[in-house]
N, C-alpha and C. Protein backbone atom coordinates (compact mmCIF):
# COMPACT_ATOMS: atom_id res chain seq x y z
N UNK A 1 -9.09 27.38 -49.90
CA UNK A 1 -8.95 27.68 -48.49
C UNK A 1 -8.13 26.56 -47.86
N UNK A 2 -7.10 26.90 -47.12
CA UNK A 2 -6.26 25.88 -46.48
C UNK A 2 -6.86 25.49 -45.14
N UNK A 3 -6.39 24.35 -44.60
CA UNK A 3 -6.92 23.85 -43.33
C UNK A 3 -6.60 24.80 -42.18
N UNK A 4 -5.50 25.53 -42.28
CA UNK A 4 -5.13 26.43 -41.19
C UNK A 4 -6.01 27.67 -41.14
N UNK A 5 -6.64 28.02 -42.23
CA UNK A 5 -7.48 29.21 -42.23
C UNK A 5 -8.96 28.89 -42.19
N UNK A 6 -9.27 27.60 -42.17
CA UNK A 6 -10.67 27.19 -42.15
C UNK A 6 -11.26 27.45 -40.78
N UNK A 7 -12.35 28.16 -40.72
CA UNK A 7 -13.05 28.38 -39.45
C UNK A 7 -14.51 28.03 -39.65
N UNK A 8 -15.06 27.40 -38.64
CA UNK A 8 -16.46 27.02 -38.68
C UNK A 8 -17.23 27.91 -37.72
N UNK A 9 -18.46 28.17 -38.03
CA UNK A 9 -19.29 28.88 -37.05
C UNK A 9 -19.37 28.05 -35.77
N UNK A 10 -19.56 28.72 -34.65
CA UNK A 10 -19.55 28.06 -33.34
C UNK A 10 -20.55 26.92 -33.25
N UNK A 11 -21.73 27.09 -33.81
CA UNK A 11 -22.75 26.03 -33.75
C UNK A 11 -22.32 24.80 -34.54
N UNK A 12 -21.68 25.01 -35.69
CA UNK A 12 -21.19 23.86 -36.47
C UNK A 12 -20.04 23.16 -35.74
N UNK A 13 -19.17 23.94 -35.12
CA UNK A 13 -18.05 23.36 -34.38
C UNK A 13 -18.55 22.51 -33.22
N UNK A 14 -19.54 22.99 -32.49
CA UNK A 14 -20.10 22.24 -31.37
C UNK A 14 -20.78 20.98 -31.87
N UNK A 15 -21.52 21.10 -32.96
CA UNK A 15 -22.23 19.95 -33.53
C UNK A 15 -21.24 18.89 -33.99
N UNK A 16 -20.11 19.29 -34.50
CA UNK A 16 -19.10 18.34 -34.99
C UNK A 16 -18.22 17.83 -33.86
N UNK A 17 -18.35 18.36 -32.66
CA UNK A 17 -17.53 17.94 -31.52
C UNK A 17 -16.12 18.50 -31.61
N UNK A 18 -15.97 19.59 -32.30
CA UNK A 18 -14.65 20.20 -32.49
C UNK A 18 -14.46 21.27 -31.42
N UNK A 19 -13.32 21.24 -30.79
CA UNK A 19 -12.99 22.25 -29.80
C UNK A 19 -12.23 23.36 -30.52
N UNK A 20 -12.68 24.55 -30.34
CA UNK A 20 -12.03 25.69 -30.99
C UNK A 20 -10.63 25.89 -30.41
N UNK A 21 -9.66 26.02 -31.26
CA UNK A 21 -8.28 26.27 -30.84
C UNK A 21 -8.09 27.77 -30.73
N UNK A 22 -7.62 28.25 -29.60
CA UNK A 22 -7.45 29.70 -29.44
C UNK A 22 -6.49 30.25 -30.49
N UNK A 23 -6.86 31.35 -31.06
CA UNK A 23 -6.05 31.94 -32.11
C UNK A 23 -4.94 32.83 -31.54
N UNK A 24 -5.20 33.48 -30.43
CA UNK A 24 -4.21 34.40 -29.88
C UNK A 24 -3.20 33.64 -29.01
N UNK A 25 -1.93 33.96 -29.15
CA UNK A 25 -0.89 33.27 -28.36
C UNK A 25 -1.12 33.38 -26.86
N UNK A 26 -1.57 34.54 -26.38
CA UNK A 26 -1.79 34.70 -24.94
C UNK A 26 -2.92 33.80 -24.45
N UNK A 27 -3.92 33.53 -25.30
CA UNK A 27 -5.01 32.61 -24.93
C UNK A 27 -4.48 31.18 -24.85
N UNK A 28 -3.63 30.81 -25.81
CA UNK A 28 -3.05 29.47 -25.78
C UNK A 28 -2.17 29.30 -24.54
N UNK A 29 -1.40 30.32 -24.22
CA UNK A 29 -0.54 30.29 -23.04
C UNK A 29 -1.38 30.19 -21.77
N UNK A 30 -2.44 30.99 -21.70
CA UNK A 30 -3.32 30.96 -20.52
C UNK A 30 -3.91 29.56 -20.33
N UNK A 31 -4.38 28.95 -21.42
CA UNK A 31 -4.95 27.60 -21.34
C UNK A 31 -3.88 26.59 -20.94
N UNK A 32 -2.70 26.71 -21.53
CA UNK A 32 -1.61 25.79 -21.21
C UNK A 32 -1.22 25.90 -19.74
N UNK A 33 -1.14 27.12 -19.23
CA UNK A 33 -0.80 27.32 -17.81
C UNK A 33 -1.90 26.77 -16.90
N UNK A 34 -3.14 26.96 -17.32
CA UNK A 34 -4.26 26.42 -16.54
C UNK A 34 -4.19 24.90 -16.48
N UNK A 35 -3.91 24.27 -17.63
CA UNK A 35 -3.79 22.80 -17.67
C UNK A 35 -2.60 22.34 -16.84
N UNK A 36 -1.50 23.09 -16.88
CA UNK A 36 -0.33 22.75 -16.07
C UNK A 36 -0.67 22.84 -14.59
N UNK A 37 -1.39 23.90 -14.22
CA UNK A 37 -1.80 24.06 -12.82
C UNK A 37 -2.69 22.89 -12.38
N UNK A 38 -3.63 22.49 -13.24
CA UNK A 38 -4.48 21.34 -12.93
C UNK A 38 -3.64 20.08 -12.75
N UNK A 39 -2.66 19.88 -13.63
CA UNK A 39 -1.80 18.69 -13.53
C UNK A 39 -0.97 18.72 -12.25
N UNK A 40 -0.47 19.89 -11.88
CA UNK A 40 0.31 20.01 -10.64
C UNK A 40 -0.56 19.73 -9.41
N UNK A 41 -1.79 20.21 -9.44
CA UNK A 41 -2.72 19.93 -8.33
C UNK A 41 -3.02 18.44 -8.24
N UNK A 42 -3.24 17.82 -9.39
CA UNK A 42 -3.50 16.37 -9.40
C UNK A 42 -2.28 15.61 -8.88
N UNK A 43 -1.10 16.06 -9.26
CA UNK A 43 0.13 15.41 -8.79
C UNK A 43 0.28 15.59 -7.28
N UNK A 44 -0.03 16.77 -6.77
CA UNK A 44 0.05 17.02 -5.33
C UNK A 44 -0.93 16.12 -4.57
N UNK A 45 -2.14 15.97 -5.11
CA UNK A 45 -3.12 15.07 -4.46
C UNK A 45 -2.62 13.63 -4.49
N UNK A 46 -2.08 13.22 -5.63
CA UNK A 46 -1.58 11.84 -5.75
C UNK A 46 -0.42 11.61 -4.79
N UNK A 47 0.47 12.59 -4.67
CA UNK A 47 1.60 12.47 -3.74
C UNK A 47 1.11 12.40 -2.30
N UNK A 48 0.14 13.21 -1.98
CA UNK A 48 -0.44 13.19 -0.63
C UNK A 48 -1.09 11.84 -0.35
N UNK A 49 -1.86 11.34 -1.31
CA UNK A 49 -2.50 10.04 -1.15
C UNK A 49 -1.45 8.93 -0.99
N UNK A 50 -0.37 9.02 -1.77
CA UNK A 50 0.70 8.03 -1.69
C UNK A 50 1.35 8.06 -0.31
N UNK A 51 1.65 9.26 0.19
CA UNK A 51 2.26 9.39 1.51
C UNK A 51 1.32 8.84 2.59
N UNK A 52 0.06 9.13 2.45
CA UNK A 52 -0.92 8.62 3.41
C UNK A 52 -0.95 7.09 3.38
N UNK A 53 -0.96 6.53 2.18
CA UNK A 53 -0.96 5.07 2.04
C UNK A 53 0.31 4.46 2.62
N UNK A 54 1.44 5.12 2.41
CA UNK A 54 2.71 4.62 2.94
C UNK A 54 2.70 4.68 4.47
N UNK A 55 2.12 5.73 5.04
CA UNK A 55 2.00 5.83 6.49
C UNK A 55 1.12 4.72 7.04
N UNK A 56 0.03 4.45 6.35
CA UNK A 56 -0.86 3.37 6.77
C UNK A 56 -0.17 2.02 6.65
N UNK A 57 0.58 1.84 5.58
CA UNK A 57 1.33 0.59 5.40
C UNK A 57 2.36 0.42 6.51
N UNK A 58 3.05 1.50 6.86
CA UNK A 58 4.04 1.45 7.94
C UNK A 58 3.36 1.03 9.25
N UNK A 59 2.20 1.60 9.51
CA UNK A 59 1.46 1.26 10.72
C UNK A 59 1.05 -0.21 10.72
N UNK A 60 0.54 -0.68 9.58
CA UNK A 60 0.11 -2.08 9.48
C UNK A 60 1.29 -3.03 9.64
N UNK A 61 2.42 -2.69 9.01
CA UNK A 61 3.61 -3.54 9.11
C UNK A 61 4.11 -3.55 10.55
N UNK A 62 4.06 -2.39 11.21
CA UNK A 62 4.45 -2.32 12.62
C UNK A 62 3.56 -3.21 13.48
N UNK A 63 2.26 -3.18 13.22
CA UNK A 63 1.34 -4.04 13.96
C UNK A 63 1.60 -5.51 13.67
N UNK A 64 1.92 -5.80 12.42
CA UNK A 64 2.24 -7.17 12.05
C UNK A 64 3.52 -7.63 12.76
N UNK A 65 4.50 -6.74 12.83
CA UNK A 65 5.76 -7.06 13.50
C UNK A 65 5.50 -7.33 14.99
N UNK A 66 4.66 -6.51 15.61
CA UNK A 66 4.33 -6.73 17.02
C UNK A 66 3.65 -8.08 17.19
N UNK A 67 2.74 -8.41 16.30
CA UNK A 67 2.06 -9.70 16.36
C UNK A 67 3.03 -10.87 16.19
N UNK A 68 3.97 -10.71 15.26
CA UNK A 68 4.96 -11.77 15.04
C UNK A 68 5.86 -11.95 16.27
N UNK A 69 6.22 -10.84 16.91
CA UNK A 69 7.05 -10.93 18.13
C UNK A 69 6.27 -11.63 19.24
N UNK A 70 4.99 -11.32 19.38
CA UNK A 70 4.17 -11.97 20.40
C UNK A 70 4.05 -13.47 20.09
N UNK A 71 3.88 -13.79 18.82
CA UNK A 71 3.79 -15.20 18.40
C UNK A 71 5.11 -15.92 18.68
N UNK A 72 6.22 -15.26 18.39
CA UNK A 72 7.54 -15.86 18.67
C UNK A 72 7.71 -16.10 20.17
N UNK A 73 7.32 -15.11 20.98
CA UNK A 73 7.42 -15.28 22.44
C UNK A 73 6.56 -16.45 22.91
N UNK A 74 5.36 -16.58 22.36
CA UNK A 74 4.48 -17.69 22.72
C UNK A 74 5.10 -19.03 22.32
N UNK A 75 5.71 -19.07 21.13
CA UNK A 75 6.38 -20.30 20.71
C UNK A 75 7.56 -20.63 21.61
N UNK A 76 8.32 -19.62 22.01
CA UNK A 76 9.44 -19.84 22.92
C UNK A 76 8.96 -20.38 24.26
N UNK A 77 7.88 -19.81 24.79
CA UNK A 77 7.34 -20.31 26.07
C UNK A 77 6.84 -21.75 25.91
N UNK A 78 6.18 -22.01 24.80
CA UNK A 78 5.69 -23.38 24.55
C UNK A 78 6.85 -24.35 24.45
N UNK A 79 7.92 -23.96 23.75
CA UNK A 79 9.09 -24.83 23.63
C UNK A 79 9.71 -25.10 25.00
N UNK A 80 9.77 -24.08 25.84
CA UNK A 80 10.30 -24.25 27.19
C UNK A 80 9.43 -25.21 28.00
N UNK A 81 8.11 -25.06 27.90
CA UNK A 81 7.20 -25.96 28.61
C UNK A 81 7.32 -27.39 28.09
N UNK A 82 7.49 -27.55 26.79
CA UNK A 82 7.66 -28.90 26.23
C UNK A 82 8.95 -29.51 26.73
N UNK A 83 10.04 -28.74 26.74
CA UNK A 83 11.31 -29.24 27.25
C UNK A 83 11.18 -29.67 28.71
N UNK A 84 10.48 -28.86 29.49
CA UNK A 84 10.26 -29.18 30.92
C UNK A 84 9.44 -30.47 31.05
N UNK A 85 8.39 -30.62 30.23
CA UNK A 85 7.55 -31.82 30.28
C UNK A 85 8.34 -33.05 29.85
N UNK A 86 9.17 -32.92 28.84
CA UNK A 86 10.00 -34.07 28.40
C UNK A 86 10.96 -34.46 29.50
N UNK A 87 11.57 -33.48 30.14
CA UNK A 87 12.50 -33.77 31.25
C UNK A 87 11.78 -34.50 32.38
N UNK A 88 10.58 -34.02 32.73
CA UNK A 88 9.80 -34.68 33.80
C UNK A 88 9.43 -36.10 33.39
N UNK A 89 9.04 -36.28 32.14
CA UNK A 89 8.68 -37.62 31.67
C UNK A 89 9.86 -38.56 31.76
N UNK A 90 11.04 -38.09 31.43
CA UNK A 90 12.25 -38.92 31.54
C UNK A 90 12.54 -39.26 32.99
N UNK A 91 12.36 -38.26 33.86
CA UNK A 91 12.59 -38.50 35.29
C UNK A 91 11.61 -39.55 35.81
N UNK A 92 10.34 -39.43 35.41
CA UNK A 92 9.33 -40.40 35.85
C UNK A 92 9.65 -41.80 35.30
N UNK A 93 10.07 -41.86 34.07
CA UNK A 93 10.43 -43.15 33.48
C UNK A 93 11.60 -43.76 34.22
N UNK A 94 12.58 -42.93 34.56
CA UNK A 94 13.74 -43.45 35.31
C UNK A 94 13.31 -43.89 36.71
N UNK A 95 12.45 -43.12 37.35
CA UNK A 95 11.95 -43.51 38.68
C UNK A 95 11.17 -44.82 38.59
N UNK A 96 10.35 -44.92 37.56
CA UNK A 96 9.57 -46.16 37.38
C UNK A 96 10.50 -47.34 37.12
N UNK A 97 11.54 -47.14 36.35
CA UNK A 97 12.48 -48.21 36.05
C UNK A 97 13.22 -48.65 37.33
N UNK A 98 13.59 -47.70 38.19
CA UNK A 98 14.31 -48.05 39.42
C UNK A 98 13.40 -48.71 40.45
N UNK A 99 12.14 -48.32 40.48
CA UNK A 99 11.26 -48.84 41.51
C UNK A 99 10.46 -50.08 41.08
N UNK A 100 10.46 -50.37 39.83
CA UNK A 100 9.69 -51.53 39.36
C UNK A 100 10.40 -52.81 39.83
N UNK A 101 9.61 -53.79 40.22
CA UNK A 101 10.24 -55.05 40.63
C UNK A 101 10.91 -55.71 39.43
N UNK A 102 12.07 -56.22 39.68
CA UNK A 102 12.82 -56.90 38.62
C UNK A 102 12.48 -58.37 38.69
N UNK A 103 12.08 -58.87 37.61
CA UNK A 103 11.63 -60.22 37.69
C UNK A 103 12.28 -61.12 36.80
């Protein structure tokens, strides 16, 4: 008996963990199409999940960009205030130098 013609009773096949291979071509085709349909559904879910994650990433990056712009504006205002304070300090130093008694 060759391996291609060997058939086991269903109980022996289950006990051995062997999955019966469909003998009729239309059964094999039906199973193959079913597996293909399952794979396509899984791919559609994965694509949907990916698009959702990309949308969330876009939103997070947009929020990060807004935060960075606010931080940049705050740094610009701080730099302007520091420049103003340095200018005032120089003016005060010059005023103090002019008004101090020379001895």
